[in-house]
């Protein structure tokens, strides 16, 4: 791109056809709201600024937008308030003050178009620069045409104007080339044309679609870019359209992963966000859900009914049936489950194993450590080669705060041990079954009882 690029996203509408009290761009596809999808696309253009026009539930939309964008792009976000929704032209007019300080080009599109690809916007920008246009817009052909503005051309095929459906004559309504709402503008020419917008139309609104005609009246160049895939540019207006778009994006993601060497046993029952990355020769079984920024390595196996959210899974890991892993990390060659729950930045080092009905919260298990049955490990740091017996609990909450448990290397924790934090179990020690450990255990010691007492030194 030869000149600086800015992006303006129109996200002020409530979306009345959604039949919801929630702003339309807050409805989700997969684990992320619509506004997150379009922001990610915008960021791929490496713009100088990303302007977002907000209106309904502006605070919530801003919060969702800030949470969705990468930290490196956070300083590019600019929010513009549209207190009264009077059309697309009015929305852009609300941003005019902020745009006066922006350099170069402005790409405009809608916050409810989650399938739009950055490559499509780059193609629009490239044609705009090549032709030296003041405005360039994407067009598609749909027969029968939906309720989009019609592209009117002269006898030579040159662009003349956009006519919104409610303002069309019968002849114009029959036109199948339509405007899906993706634009590229020279900012000074846009600001000048916005000054001349008027609401003289069937809806008494300010139409952004009138801007190109004002530019032509000033003898400026206006061009179009035809796009073959009309569905990529679809906006979301109803719950049914939301579900259809989620299905489309889900299958695109699954097809991409399978083309890259991932086995997905039953694509129809597998739900994977388009932000997920999975390595070669990994097998995903039916009824698996993988969301957010999850990363799964090579040669893994994810068994049915497991749900992963923002999980980092290293190579050669196996996740058995019905596990939930949230914001946690498996380093390599780990086995988890069935029916295990890892959350709040739990971490398993190489070759660590977690079995059925084990919950790990905000804890780290060292290399070759095992916790196989019916256990809760919270706020714990556990060393290498530790064996955690069934029904062990780190009693981390004292009624006021969470306290840490430290278990050093080569420890054996007997079944039904209660570790009352804060507490440390020294290297090479062992607890007897049913022990309640209320104070630190010295290294190489056997403790047992309620409360647990040192029974002998193991090395002796």
Protein backbone atom coordinates (compact mmCIF):
# COMPACT_ATOMS: atom_id res chain seq x y z
CA UNK A 1 0.00 0.00 0.00
CA UNK A 2 1.46 3.32 -1.08
CA UNK A 3 -0.43 5.64 1.26
CA UNK A 4 -1.51 5.36 4.92
CA UNK A 5 -4.71 3.41 5.50
CA UNK A 6 -7.38 3.97 8.13
CA UNK A 7 -10.46 1.88 8.86
CA UNK A 8 -13.94 2.97 9.92
CA UNK A 9 -16.32 0.30 11.26
CA UNK A 10 -20.03 1.13 11.52
CA UNK A 11 -21.27 -0.54 14.73
CA UNK A 12 -23.89 1.76 16.23
CA UNK A 13 -27.09 -0.16 15.42
CA UNK A 14 -29.24 -2.17 17.82
CA UNK A 15 -30.37 -4.65 15.16
CA UNK A 16 -34.11 -4.73 15.71
CA UNK A 17 -34.60 -7.87 13.61
CA UNK A 18 -32.39 -9.78 16.05
CA UNK A 19 -35.26 -9.41 18.56
CA UNK A 20 -32.75 -8.73 21.31
CA UNK A 21 -31.99 -6.15 23.96
CA UNK A 22 -28.31 -6.62 23.10
CA UNK A 23 -26.54 -4.54 20.44
CA UNK A 24 -26.18 -6.56 17.24
CA UNK A 25 -22.37 -6.49 17.10
CA UNK A 26 -22.25 -8.10 20.57
CA UNK A 27 -23.93 -11.29 19.35
CA UNK A 28 -21.40 -14.06 19.00
CA UNK A 29 -20.13 -16.32 16.27
CA UNK A 30 -18.25 -19.05 18.07
CA UNK A 31 -16.72 -17.62 21.23
CA UNK A 32 -16.27 -14.07 19.93
CA UNK A 33 -18.72 -11.22 19.25
CA UNK A 34 -19.23 -9.95 15.71
CA UNK A 35 -17.22 -6.81 16.47
CA UNK A 36 -14.20 -8.99 17.31
CA UNK A 37 -14.27 -10.67 13.90
CA UNK A 38 -14.32 -7.40 11.95
CA UNK A 39 -11.67 -5.82 14.18
CA UNK A 40 -9.33 -8.72 13.52
CA UNK A 41 -9.84 -8.23 9.78
CA UNK A 42 -9.25 -4.50 10.08
CA UNK A 43 -6.03 -5.02 12.05
CA UNK A 44 -4.61 -7.20 9.26
CA UNK A 45 -4.50 -4.11 7.04
CA UNK A 46 -1.99 -2.59 9.48
CA UNK A 47 -3.94 0.68 9.56
CA UNK A 48 -2.88 3.86 11.30
CA UNK A 49 -6.28 4.17 13.01
CA UNK A 50 -9.32 1.95 13.52
CA UNK A 51 -12.39 4.14 14.08
CA UNK A 52 -15.49 2.42 15.49
CA UNK A 53 -18.83 4.24 15.38
CA UNK A 54 -20.85 3.19 18.43
CA UNK A 55 -24.36 4.01 19.57
CA UNK A 56 -26.59 1.44 21.23
CA UNK A 57 -24.89 0.05 24.35
CA UNK A 58 -21.79 2.01 23.43
CA UNK A 59 -19.98 1.16 26.65
CA UNK A 60 -20.41 -2.57 26.18
CA UNK A 61 -19.41 -2.39 22.52
CA UNK A 62 -16.26 -0.44 23.44
CA UNK A 63 -15.43 -2.95 26.16
CA UNK A 64 -15.86 -5.87 23.74
CA UNK A 65 -13.76 -4.13 21.11
CA UNK A 66 -10.88 -3.42 23.49
CA UNK A 67 -10.96 -7.01 24.73
CA UNK A 68 -10.92 -8.33 21.16
CA UNK A 69 -7.98 -6.50 19.69
CA UNK A 70 -4.34 -7.50 20.05
CA UNK A 71 -2.30 -5.39 22.52
CA UNK A 72 -0.09 -4.18 19.65
CA UNK A 73 -3.13 -2.62 17.96
CA UNK A 74 -4.90 -1.28 21.05
CA UNK A 75 -3.55 2.27 20.60
CA UNK A 76 -5.09 2.41 17.12
CA UNK A 77 -8.66 2.15 18.39
CA UNK A 78 -10.76 5.31 18.25
CA UNK A 79 -14.43 5.38 19.26
CA UNK A 80 -16.98 7.78 17.79
CA UNK A 81 -20.44 8.25 19.31
CA UNK A 82 -23.57 8.33 17.13
CA UNK A 83 -26.25 9.30 19.64
CA UNK A 84 -29.05 9.28 17.07
CA UNK A 85 -29.13 6.71 14.28
CA UNK A 86 -30.04 8.58 11.10
CA UNK A 87 -28.40 6.42 8.48
CA UNK A 88 -24.96 5.37 7.30
CA UNK A 89 -24.06 8.82 6.04
CA UNK A 90 -24.94 10.29 9.42
CA UNK A 91 -22.73 7.67 11.11
CA UNK A 92 -19.73 8.68 9.01
CA UNK A 93 -20.52 12.37 9.53
CA UNK A 94 -20.26 11.74 13.28
CA UNK A 95 -16.67 10.63 12.67
CA UNK A 96 -15.78 13.66 10.52
CA UNK A 97 -14.08 15.52 13.36
CA UNK A 98 -11.80 12.57 14.13
CA UNK A 99 -11.10 11.94 10.44
CA UNK A 100 -9.74 15.45 9.87
CA UNK A 101 -6.52 14.45 11.60
CA UNK A 102 -6.14 11.16 9.70
CA UNK A 103 -3.85 10.75 6.71
CA UNK A 104 -4.41 8.92 3.45
CA UNK A 105 -7.27 6.51 2.71
CA UNK A 106 -10.30 5.38 4.67
CA UNK A 107 -11.81 1.89 4.33
CA UNK A 108 -15.41 1.73 5.54
CA UNK A 109 -17.39 -1.42 6.27
CA UNK A 110 -19.95 -2.77 8.71
CA UNK A 111 -19.56 -4.33 12.13
CA UNK A 112 -21.98 -7.15 11.29
CA UNK A 113 -19.96 -8.62 8.36
CA UNK A 114 -17.72 -11.19 10.11
CA UNK A 115 -16.77 -13.16 6.98
CA UNK A 116 -15.10 -10.27 5.14
CA UNK A 117 -11.48 -11.16 4.42
CA UNK A 118 -8.51 -8.84 4.64
CA UNK A 119 -7.56 -9.96 1.11
CA UNK A 120 -10.84 -8.52 -0.20
CA UNK A 121 -10.14 -5.17 1.45
CA UNK A 122 -6.58 -5.17 0.10
CA UNK A 123 -7.95 -5.75 -3.40
CA UNK A 124 -10.30 -2.78 -2.90
CA UNK A 125 -7.43 -0.55 -1.73
CA UNK A 126 -5.16 -1.64 -4.58
CA UNK A 127 -7.78 -0.79 -7.23
CA UNK A 128 -8.49 2.54 -5.54
CA UNK A 129 -4.80 3.49 -5.70
CA UNK A 130 -4.26 2.12 -9.21
CA UNK A 131 -7.18 4.05 -10.70
CA UNK A 132 -6.57 7.24 -8.75
CA UNK A 133 -10.16 7.26 -7.50
CA UNK A 134 -11.70 9.53 -4.90
CA UNK A 135 -14.04 6.65 -4.00
CA UNK A 136 -14.05 2.96 -4.82
CA UNK A 137 -16.72 0.50 -3.78
CA UNK A 138 -17.16 -3.25 -3.92
CA UNK A 139 -20.11 -4.59 -5.90
CA UNK A 140 -21.63 -8.06 -6.16
CA UNK A 141 -24.30 -9.61 -8.35
CA UNK A 142 -27.24 -11.38 -6.66
CA UNK A 143 -30.34 -12.64 -8.47
CA UNK A 144 -32.93 -12.04 -7.17
CA UNK A 145 -31.38 -9.01 -5.48
CA UNK A 146 -31.76 -8.52 -1.70
CA UNK A 147 -32.67 -5.23 -0.05
CA UNK A 148 -29.35 -3.61 -1.00
CA UNK A 149 -28.71 -0.43 -2.94
CA UNK A 150 -28.66 -0.97 -6.72
CA UNK A 151 -25.63 -0.02 -8.83
CA UNK A 152 -26.79 2.19 -11.71
CA UNK A 153 -24.47 2.50 -14.73
CA UNK A 154 -24.60 4.42 -17.99
CA UNK A 155 -24.72 2.90 -21.47
CA UNK A 156 -20.92 2.55 -21.47
CA UNK A 157 -20.98 0.63 -18.18
CA UNK A 158 -19.55 3.46 -16.09
CA UNK A 159 -20.74 3.91 -12.51
CA UNK A 160 -23.43 6.61 -12.14
CA UNK A 161 -24.98 6.22 -8.69
CA UNK A 162 -26.33 3.93 -5.96
CA UNK A 163 -30.07 3.88 -5.40
CA UNK A 164 -31.39 2.41 -2.17
CA UNK A 165 -34.15 -0.15 -2.66
CA UNK A 166 -36.87 1.97 -1.08
CA UNK A 167 -36.09 4.76 -3.52
CA UNK A 168 -35.81 2.55 -6.64
CA UNK A 169 -37.99 2.82 -9.72
CA UNK A 170 -39.33 -0.52 -11.04
CA UNK A 171 -36.48 -0.60 -13.59
CA UNK A 172 -33.83 0.10 -10.94
CA UNK A 173 -35.30 -2.50 -8.58
CA UNK A 174 -34.70 -5.17 -11.24
CA UNK A 175 -30.92 -4.47 -11.30
CA UNK A 176 -28.97 -7.42 -9.87
CA UNK A 177 -25.65 -5.64 -9.29
CA UNK A 178 -25.83 -4.37 -5.71
CA UNK A 179 -23.83 -2.52 -3.07
CA UNK A 180 -22.88 -4.67 -0.03
CA UNK A 181 -21.33 -1.69 1.78
CA UNK A 182 -17.53 -1.83 1.44
CA UNK A 183 -15.90 1.47 0.47
CA UNK A 184 -12.51 3.10 0.09
CA UNK A 185 -12.33 6.89 0.16
CA UNK A 186 -9.76 9.64 -0.10
CA UNK A 187 -10.39 11.34 3.23
CA UNK A 188 -10.43 15.01 2.08
CA UNK A 189 -12.85 14.23 -0.76
CA UNK A 190 -15.06 12.25 1.63
CA UNK A 191 -15.20 15.04 4.19
CA UNK A 192 -16.21 17.53 1.51
CA UNK A 193 -18.97 15.26 0.16
CA UNK A 194 -20.33 14.58 3.66
CA UNK A 195 -21.04 18.28 4.06
CA UNK A 196 -23.53 18.09 1.19
CA UNK A 197 -25.50 15.05 2.31
CA UNK A 198 -29.21 15.65 2.87
CA UNK A 199 -32.02 13.36 4.11
CA UNK A 200 -34.25 13.75 1.04
CA UNK A 201 -35.25 10.13 0.62
CA UNK A 202 -37.91 7.61 1.64
CA UNK A 203 -36.34 6.98 5.05
CA UNK A 204 -35.43 10.60 5.87
CA UNK A 205 -31.84 9.47 6.50
CA UNK A 206 -28.37 10.55 5.46
CA UNK A 207 -27.14 7.93 3.00
CA UNK A 208 -23.45 7.20 2.65
CA UNK A 209 -24.41 5.84 -0.78
CA UNK A 210 -25.01 9.44 -1.95
CA UNK A 211 -21.33 10.32 -1.39
CA UNK A 212 -20.02 8.80 -4.67
CA UNK A 213 -22.58 10.74 -6.70
CA UNK A 214 -21.51 14.03 -5.06
CA UNK A 215 -17.92 13.18 -5.98
CA UNK A 216 -18.88 12.55 -9.60
CA UNK A 217 -20.64 15.93 -9.62
CA UNK A 218 -17.27 17.44 -8.66
CA UNK A 219 -15.59 15.63 -11.59
CA UNK A 220 -13.77 13.25 -9.26
CA UNK A 221 -13.16 9.63 -10.19
CA UNK A 222 -15.38 6.91 -8.69
CA UNK A 223 -14.72 3.25 -9.44
CA UNK A 224 -15.97 -0.20 -8.50
CA UNK A 225 -14.45 -3.61 -7.77
CA UNK A 226 -16.62 -6.62 -8.59
CA UNK A 227 -16.43 -9.45 -6.04
CA UNK A 228 -17.42 -13.00 -6.98
CA UNK A 229 -18.32 -14.35 -3.53
CA UNK A 230 -21.38 -12.42 -2.43
CA UNK A 231 -21.82 -14.53 0.72
CA UNK A 232 -18.45 -13.39 2.08
CA UNK A 233 -19.89 -9.90 2.36
CA UNK A 234 -23.20 -10.88 3.97
CA UNK A 235 -24.36 -8.82 6.92
CA UNK A 236 -26.14 -10.34 9.92
CA UNK A 237 -29.70 -9.14 10.53
CA UNK A 238 -31.51 -12.10 12.13
CA UNK A 239 -30.76 -15.01 14.43
CA UNK A 240 -31.14 -17.37 11.47
CA UNK A 241 -28.52 -15.42 9.51
CA UNK A 242 -26.23 -15.50 12.54
CA UNK A 243 -26.49 -19.29 12.71
CA UNK A 244 -25.96 -19.64 8.96
CA UNK A 245 -22.84 -17.46 9.08
CA UNK A 246 -21.44 -19.42 12.04
CA UNK A 247 -21.97 -22.63 10.08
CA UNK A 248 -20.23 -21.17 7.02
CA UNK A 249 -17.19 -19.98 8.98
CA UNK A 250 -17.03 -23.23 10.93
CA UNK A 251 -16.83 -25.32 7.77
CA UNK A 252 -14.25 -22.98 6.25
CA UNK A 253 -12.11 -23.48 9.36
CA UNK A 254 -12.56 -27.26 9.37
CA UNK A 255 -11.75 -27.51 5.65
CA UNK A 256 -8.58 -25.44 6.17
CA UNK A 257 -7.44 -27.59 9.08
CA UNK A 258 -8.06 -30.85 7.24
CA UNK A 259 -6.19 -29.50 4.19
CA UNK A 260 -3.24 -28.84 6.53
CA UNK A 261 -3.13 -32.40 7.84
CA UNK A 262 -5.58 -32.49 10.76
CA UNK A 263 -8.00 -35.43 11.04
CA UNK A 264 -11.51 -34.33 12.00
CA UNK A 265 -13.58 -37.47 12.36
CA UNK A 266 -17.02 -35.84 12.08
CA UNK A 267 -17.00 -32.26 10.76
CA UNK A 268 -20.76 -31.93 11.24
CA UNK A 269 -20.51 -32.26 15.03
CA UNK A 270 -17.18 -30.48 15.60
CA UNK A 271 -17.04 -26.79 16.55
CA UNK A 272 -13.72 -25.00 16.11
CA UNK A 273 -13.24 -21.21 16.10
CA UNK A 274 -11.46 -19.75 13.07
CA UNK A 275 -8.75 -18.40 15.43
CA UNK A 276 -7.67 -21.90 16.51
CA UNK A 277 -4.40 -23.44 15.28
CA UNK A 278 -3.89 -27.23 15.17
CA UNK A 279 -0.75 -29.15 14.19
CA UNK A 280 -0.36 -31.92 11.65
CA UNK A 281 -1.57 -35.49 12.39
CA UNK A 282 -3.69 -34.42 15.32
CA UNK A 283 -7.03 -36.25 15.52
CA UNK A 284 -10.21 -34.48 16.65
CA UNK A 285 -13.07 -36.83 17.56
CA UNK A 286 -16.82 -36.03 17.30
CA UNK A 287 -18.55 -33.53 19.58
CA UNK A 288 -15.39 -31.58 20.42
CA UNK A 289 -15.53 -27.79 20.93
CA UNK A 290 -12.34 -25.70 20.64
CA UNK A 291 -12.66 -21.95 21.15
CA UNK A 292 -10.72 -18.72 21.40
CA UNK A 293 -6.98 -18.54 20.80
CA UNK A 294 -6.36 -22.23 21.43
CA UNK A 295 -3.15 -23.74 20.05
CA UNK A 296 -2.85 -27.51 19.65
CA UNK A 297 0.39 -29.18 18.61
CA UNK A 298 1.14 -32.11 16.30
CA UNK A 299 0.25 -35.77 16.87
CA UNK A 300 -2.33 -35.03 19.54
CA UNK A 301 -5.68 -36.71 20.11
CA UNK A 302 -8.75 -34.90 21.46
CA UNK A 303 -11.51 -37.32 22.41
CA UNK A 304 -15.26 -36.70 22.25
CA UNK A 305 -17.18 -34.17 24.36
CA UNK A 306 -14.08 -32.26 25.42
CA UNK A 307 -14.23 -28.45 25.48
CA UNK A 308 -11.08 -26.32 25.13
CA UNK A 309 -11.03 -22.54 25.54
CA UNK A 310 -7.81 -20.54 25.07
CA UNK A 311 -5.84 -23.72 25.70
CA UNK A 312 -2.21 -24.33 24.74
CA UNK A 313 -1.59 -27.99 24.01
CA UNK A 314 1.92 -29.21 23.14
CA UNK A 315 2.87 -32.07 20.83
CA UNK A 316 1.83 -35.68 21.44
CA UNK A 317 -0.78 -34.92 24.07
CA UNK A 318 -3.92 -36.98 24.59
CA UNK A 319 -7.12 -35.48 26.00
CA UNK A 320 -9.64 -38.18 26.84
CA UNK A 321 -13.43 -37.90 26.87
CA UNK A 322 -15.37 -35.08 28.53
CA UNK A 323 -12.50 -32.83 29.67
CA UNK A 324 -12.75 -29.06 30.13
CA UNK A 325 -9.51 -27.09 29.68
CA UNK A 326 -9.66 -23.30 30.03
CA UNK A 327 -6.71 -20.91 29.75
CA UNK A 328 -4.27 -23.67 30.63
CA UNK A 329 -1.16 -25.31 29.18
CA UNK A 330 -0.01 -28.83 28.44
CA UNK A 331 3.68 -28.79 27.54
CA UNK A 332 4.18 -32.15 25.78
CA UNK A 333 3.23 -35.85 25.97
CA UNK A 334 0.56 -35.25 28.58
CA UNK A 335 -2.55 -37.36 29.17
CA UNK A 336 -5.64 -35.72 30.66
CA UNK A 337 -8.95 -37.27 31.60
CA UNK A 338 -11.50 -38.55 31.21
CA UNK A 339 -13.69 -36.02 33.06
CA UNK A 340 -10.84 -33.70 34.10
CA UNK A 341 -11.04 -29.93 34.55
CA UNK A 342 -8.04 -27.59 34.12
CA UNK A 343 -8.57 -23.86 34.60
CA UNK A 344 -7.02 -20.51 35.48
CA UNK A 345 -3.58 -21.11 34.01
CA UNK A 346 -3.04 -24.67 35.15
CA UNK A 347 0.12 -26.13 33.61
CA UNK A 348 1.35 -29.69 33.11
CA UNK A 349 5.07 -30.16 32.43
CA UNK A 350 6.32 -32.90 30.09
CA UNK A 351 4.85 -36.38 30.67
CA UNK A 352 2.61 -35.27 33.54
CA UNK A 353 -0.68 -37.18 33.74
CA UNK A 354 -4.07 -36.13 35.12
CA UNK A 355 -6.82 -38.74 35.44
CA UNK A 356 -10.56 -38.91 35.88
CA UNK A 357 -12.42 -36.37 37.99
CA UNK A 358 -9.32 -34.34 38.80
CA UNK A 359 -9.62 -30.53 38.95
CA UNK A 360 -6.52 -28.37 38.68
CA UNK A 361 -6.79 -24.64 39.23
CA UNK A 362 -3.94 -22.13 39.00
CA UNK A 363 -1.37 -24.87 39.66
CA UNK A 364 1.69 -26.40 38.01
CA UNK A 365 2.49 -30.12 37.90
CA UNK A 366 6.11 -31.06 37.22
CA UNK A 367 7.61 -33.65 34.87
CA UNK A 368 6.22 -37.19 35.18
CA UNK A 369 3.94 -36.16 38.03
CA UNK A 370 0.63 -38.03 38.25
CA UNK A 371 -2.73 -37.28 39.79
CA UNK A 372 -5.04 -40.04 38.64
CA UNK A 373 -8.33 -39.90 40.60
CA UNK A 374 -10.88 -37.65 42.29
CA UNK A 375 -8.57 -34.83 43.37
CA UNK A 376 -8.58 -31.02 43.69
CA UNK A 377 -5.27 -29.17 43.30
CA UNK A 378 -5.63 -25.41 43.65
CA UNK A 379 -2.92 -22.73 43.98
CA UNK A 380 -0.29 -25.47 44.12
CA UNK A 381 3.25 -25.85 42.83
CA UNK A 382 4.07 -29.53 42.46
CA UNK A 383 7.51 -30.85 41.58
CA UNK A 384 8.75 -33.65 39.36
CA UNK A 385 7.91 -37.35 39.76
CA UNK A 386 5.23 -36.72 42.38
CA UNK A 387 2.35 -39.17 42.84
CA UNK A 388 -0.92 -37.70 44.15
CA UNK A 389 -3.23 -40.32 45.68
CA UNK A 390 -6.98 -40.42 45.12
CA UNK A 391 -9.21 -37.86 46.89
CA UNK A 392 -6.34 -35.50 47.76
CA UNK A 393 -7.35 -31.87 48.34
CA UNK A 394 -5.24 -28.75 48.65
CA UNK A 395 -7.32 -26.79 51.14
CA UNK A 396 -6.32 -23.43 49.71
CA UNK A 397 -9.05 -21.10 51.02
CA UNK A 398 -9.09 -20.03 54.66
CA UNK A 399 -12.27 -17.96 54.44
CA UNK A 400 -10.41 -14.77 53.58
CA UNK A 401 -7.80 -15.55 50.94
CA UNK A 402 -6.30 -18.28 48.77
CA UNK A 403 -3.07 -19.80 50.09
CA UNK A 404 -0.34 -21.75 48.29
CA UNK A 405 0.69 -25.39 48.59
CA UNK A 406 4.19 -26.50 47.55
CA UNK A 407 5.01 -30.16 46.99
CA UNK A 408 8.65 -30.78 46.18
CA UNK A 409 10.14 -33.48 43.90
CA UNK A 410 9.69 -37.23 44.45
CA UNK A 411 6.87 -36.92 46.98
CA UNK A 412 4.11 -39.52 47.44
CA UNK A 413 0.81 -38.15 48.70
CA UNK A 414 -1.40 -40.88 50.17
CA UNK A 415 -5.07 -41.20 49.31
CA UNK A 416 -7.51 -38.82 51.04
CA UNK A 417 -4.77 -36.45 52.21
CA UNK A 418 -5.90 -32.92 53.13
CA UNK A 419 -3.13 -30.33 52.63
CA UNK A 420 -4.17 -27.25 54.64
CA UNK A 421 -2.46 -24.29 52.96
CA UNK A 422 -0.14 -22.52 53.30
CA UNK A 423 1.98 -25.65 53.55
CA UNK A 424 5.09 -27.24 52.02
CA UNK A 425 5.88 -30.94 51.65
CA UNK A 426 9.63 -31.50 51.43
CA UNK A 427 11.44 -33.51 48.80
CA UNK A 428 11.16 -37.29 49.00
CA UNK A 429 8.47 -37.28 51.70
CA UNK A 430 5.28 -39.34 52.00
CA UNK A 431 1.88 -38.78 53.62
CA UNK A 432 -0.22 -41.64 54.98
CA UNK A 433 -3.76 -42.22 53.76
CA UNK A 434 -6.29 -39.94 55.42
CA UNK A 435 -3.69 -37.49 56.76
CA UNK A 436 -4.53 -33.84 57.48
CA UNK A 437 -1.31 -31.90 56.91
CA UNK A 438 -1.42 -28.57 58.77
CA UNK A 439 2.28 -27.72 58.93
CA UNK A 440 5.34 -28.10 56.72
CA UNK A 441 6.66 -31.62 56.18
CA UNK A 442 10.47 -31.99 56.37
CA UNK A 443 12.27 -33.68 53.45
CA UNK A 444 12.45 -37.49 53.41
CA UNK A 445 9.79 -37.88 56.09
CA UNK A 446 6.70 -40.04 56.54
CA UNK A 447 3.82 -38.17 58.13
CA UNK A 448 0.39 -39.53 59.09
CA UNK A 449 -2.58 -38.80 61.31
CA UNK A 450 -4.95 -35.92 62.14
CA UNK A 451 -3.15 -33.60 62.40
CA UNK A 452 -0.27 -35.29 60.58
CA UNK A 453 2.87 -35.98 62.60
CA UNK A 454 6.31 -37.18 61.51
CA UNK A 455 6.40 -40.95 62.04
CA UNK A 456 9.91 -41.63 60.74
CA UNK A 457 12.68 -40.42 58.48
CA UNK A 458 12.47 -42.42 55.28
CA UNK A 459 16.20 -42.48 54.51
CA UNK A 460 16.87 -43.93 57.97
